[in-house]
Amino acid sequence: MVALLTAATAVTLLLMVPFIGRAITGPTIFDRVVALNGMGTMIPVLLVLIGLLYNREDMFVDMALALFLLNLFMTLLIARHVRDKVVEG
């Protein structure tokens, strides 16, 4: 079971590489916002997998839910801020 969870964590980390690349080299600010949103979705998944590895699902699931909500609101706030700057300028 530990090997499966470790492999799932490694695969999830590998799937984050394109998001990191897009966040660094995105041609537009909207690409960067979408990449940050994708990473913000993958990080709580990693937390849940780590919680399963350490047999502390209760603590890690609570942190993951908080990060999911924070990711949602921060993405909406950043997108709104960027939209307003584009409209003004």
C-alpha atoms as a PDB file:
ATOM      1  CA  MET A   1       0.000   0.000   0.000  1.00  0.00           C
ATOM      2  CA  VAL A   2       2.864   2.349   0.817  1.00  0.00           C
ATOM      3  CA  ALA A   3       4.450   1.738  -2.583  1.00  0.00           C
ATOM      4  CA  LEU A   4       1.183   2.573  -4.335  1.00  0.00           C
ATOM      5  CA  LEU A   5       0.749   5.815  -2.386  1.00  0.00           C
ATOM      6  CA  THR A   6       4.372   6.758  -3.001  1.00  0.00           C
ATOM      7  CA  ALA A   7       3.945   6.125  -6.719  1.00  0.00           C
ATOM      8  CA  ALA A   8       0.726   8.175  -6.786  1.00  0.00           C
ATOM      9  CA  THR A   9       2.525  11.040  -5.035  1.00  0.00           C
ATOM     10  CA  ALA A  10       5.398  10.879  -7.518  1.00  0.00           C
ATOM     11  CA  VAL A  11       3.011  10.866 -10.485  1.00  0.00           C
ATOM     12  CA  THR A  12       1.122  13.830  -9.047  1.00  0.00           C
ATOM     13  CA  LEU A  13       4.392  15.724  -8.646  1.00  0.00           C
ATOM     14  CA  LEU A  14       5.312  14.926 -12.250  1.00  0.00           C
ATOM     15  CA  LEU A  15       1.926  16.191 -13.400  1.00  0.00           C
ATOM     16  CA  MET A  16       2.651  19.526 -11.717  1.00  0.00           C
ATOM     17  CA  VAL A  17       5.711  20.194 -13.901  1.00  0.00           C
ATOM     18  CA  PRO A  18       3.716  21.610 -16.866  1.00  0.00           C
ATOM     19  CA  PHE A  19       1.820  23.905 -14.502  1.00  0.00           C
ATOM     20  CA  ILE A  20       5.093  25.222 -13.085  1.00  0.00           C
ATOM     21  CA  GLY A  21       6.447  25.782 -16.574  1.00  0.00           C
ATOM     22  CA  ARG A  22       3.310  27.613 -17.650  1.00  0.00           C
ATOM     23  CA  ALA A  23       3.340  29.768 -14.515  1.00  0.00           C
ATOM     24  CA  ILE A  24       6.939  30.833 -15.209  1.00  0.00           C
ATOM     25  CA  THR A  25       6.851  31.266 -18.985  1.00  0.00           C
ATOM     26  CA  GLY A  26       3.173  31.904 -19.690  1.00  0.00           C
ATOM     27  CA  PRO A  27       2.759  34.257 -22.635  1.00  0.00           C
ATOM     28  CA  THR A  28      -0.121  36.091 -20.957  1.00  0.00           C
ATOM     29  CA  ILE A  29      -1.122  36.791 -17.393  1.00  0.00           C
ATOM     30  CA  PHE A  30      -4.232  34.672 -17.862  1.00  0.00           C
ATOM     31  CA  ASP A  31      -2.074  31.625 -18.637  1.00  0.00           C
ATOM     32  CA  ARG A  32      -0.196  32.230 -15.407  1.00  0.00           C
ATOM     33  CA  VAL A  33      -3.416  32.524 -13.411  1.00  0.00           C
ATOM     34  CA  VAL A  34      -4.717  29.251 -14.857  1.00  0.00           C
ATOM     35  CA  ALA A  35      -1.389  27.549 -14.076  1.00  0.00           C
ATOM     36  CA  LEU A  36      -1.467  28.789 -10.496  1.00  0.00           C
ATOM     37  CA  ASN A  37      -5.037  27.537 -10.182  1.00  0.00           C
ATOM     38  CA  GLY A  38      -3.961  24.129 -11.468  1.00  0.00           C
ATOM     39  CA  MET A  39      -1.105  23.967  -8.983  1.00  0.00           C
ATOM     40  CA  GLY A  40      -3.429  25.095  -6.226  1.00  0.00           C
ATOM     41  CA  THR A  41      -5.666  22.159  -7.053  1.00  0.00           C
ATOM     42  CA  MET A  42      -2.842  19.622  -7.141  1.00  0.00           C
ATOM     43  CA  ILE A  43      -1.246  20.646  -3.835  1.00  0.00           C
ATOM     44  CA  PRO A  44      -4.237  19.611  -1.674  1.00  0.00           C
ATOM     45  CA  VAL A  45      -4.295  16.288  -3.532  1.00  0.00           C
ATOM     46  CA  LEU A  46      -0.653  15.849  -2.547  1.00  0.00           C
ATOM     47  CA  LEU A  47      -1.538  16.683   1.050  1.00  0.00           C
ATOM     48  CA  VAL A  48      -4.195  13.982   1.119  1.00  0.00           C
ATOM     49  CA  LEU A  49      -1.755  11.450  -0.345  1.00  0.00           C
ATOM     50  CA  ILE A  50       0.873  12.402   2.245  1.00  0.00           C
ATOM     51  CA  GLY A  51      -1.762  12.093   4.966  1.00  0.00           C
ATOM     52  CA  LEU A  52      -2.541   8.584   3.766  1.00  0.00           C
ATOM     53  CA  LEU A  53       1.171   7.734   3.858  1.00  0.00           C
ATOM     54  CA  TYR A  54       1.484   8.924   7.457  1.00  0.00           C
ATOM     55  CA  ASN A  55      -1.894   7.477   8.562  1.00  0.00           C
ATOM     56  CA  ARG A  56      -3.051  10.972   9.610  1.00  0.00           C
ATOM     57  CA  GLU A  57      -5.877  11.482   7.121  1.00  0.00           C
ATOM     58  CA  ASP A  58      -7.918  13.597   9.528  1.00  0.00           C
ATOM     59  CA  MET A  59      -5.366  16.385   9.863  1.00  0.00           C
ATOM     60  CA  PHE A  60      -4.251  16.426   6.231  1.00  0.00           C
ATOM     61  CA  VAL A  61      -7.794  16.348   4.826  1.00  0.00           C
ATOM     62  CA  ASP A  62      -8.685  19.403   6.920  1.00  0.00           C
ATOM     63  CA  MET A  63      -5.662  21.258   5.575  1.00  0.00           C
ATOM     64  CA  ALA A  64      -6.481  20.165   2.023  1.00  0.00           C
ATOM     65  CA  LEU A  65     -10.054  21.454   2.280  1.00  0.00           C
ATOM     66  CA  ALA A  66      -8.817  24.783   3.593  1.00  0.00           C
ATOM     67  CA  LEU A  67      -6.337  25.037   0.720  1.00  0.00           C
ATOM     68  CA  PHE A  68      -9.040  24.174  -1.838  1.00  0.00           C
ATOM     69  CA  LEU A  69     -11.202  27.024  -0.552  1.00  0.00           C
ATOM     70  CA  LEU A  70      -8.264  29.420  -0.387  1.00  0.00           C
ATOM     71  CA  ASN A  71      -7.294  28.477  -3.943  1.00  0.00           C
ATOM     72  CA  LEU A  72     -10.810  29.142  -5.202  1.00  0.00           C
ATOM     73  CA  PHE A  73     -11.094  32.588  -3.641  1.00  0.00           C
ATOM     74  CA  MET A  74      -7.552  33.649  -4.509  1.00  0.00           C
ATOM     75  CA  THR A  75      -8.020  32.639  -8.151  1.00  0.00           C
ATOM     76  CA  LEU A  76     -11.246  34.615  -8.355  1.00  0.00           C
ATOM     77  CA  LEU A  77      -9.654  37.656  -6.717  1.00  0.00           C
ATOM     78  CA  ILE A  78      -6.567  37.564  -8.937  1.00  0.00           C
ATOM     79  CA  ALA A  79      -8.661  37.091 -12.086  1.00  0.00           C
ATOM     80  CA  ARG A  80     -10.895  39.996 -11.114  1.00  0.00           C
ATOM     81  CA  HIS A  81      -7.886  42.200 -10.385  1.00  0.00           C
ATOM     82  CA  VAL A  82      -6.273  41.327 -13.725  1.00  0.00           C
ATOM     83  CA  ARG A  83      -9.551  41.910 -15.573  1.00  0.00           C
ATOM     84  CA  ASP A  84      -9.957  45.334 -13.985  1.00  0.00           C
ATOM     85  CA  LYS A  85      -6.387  46.311 -14.894  1.00  0.00           C
ATOM     86  CA  VAL A  86      -6.962  45.248 -18.523  1.00  0.00           C
ATOM     87  CA  VAL A  87     -10.192  47.278 -18.702  1.00  0.00           C
ATOM     88  CA  GLU A  88      -8.501  50.379 -17.239  1.00  0.00           C
ATOM     89  CA  GLY A  89      -5.331  50.209 -19.336  1.00  0.00           C
END
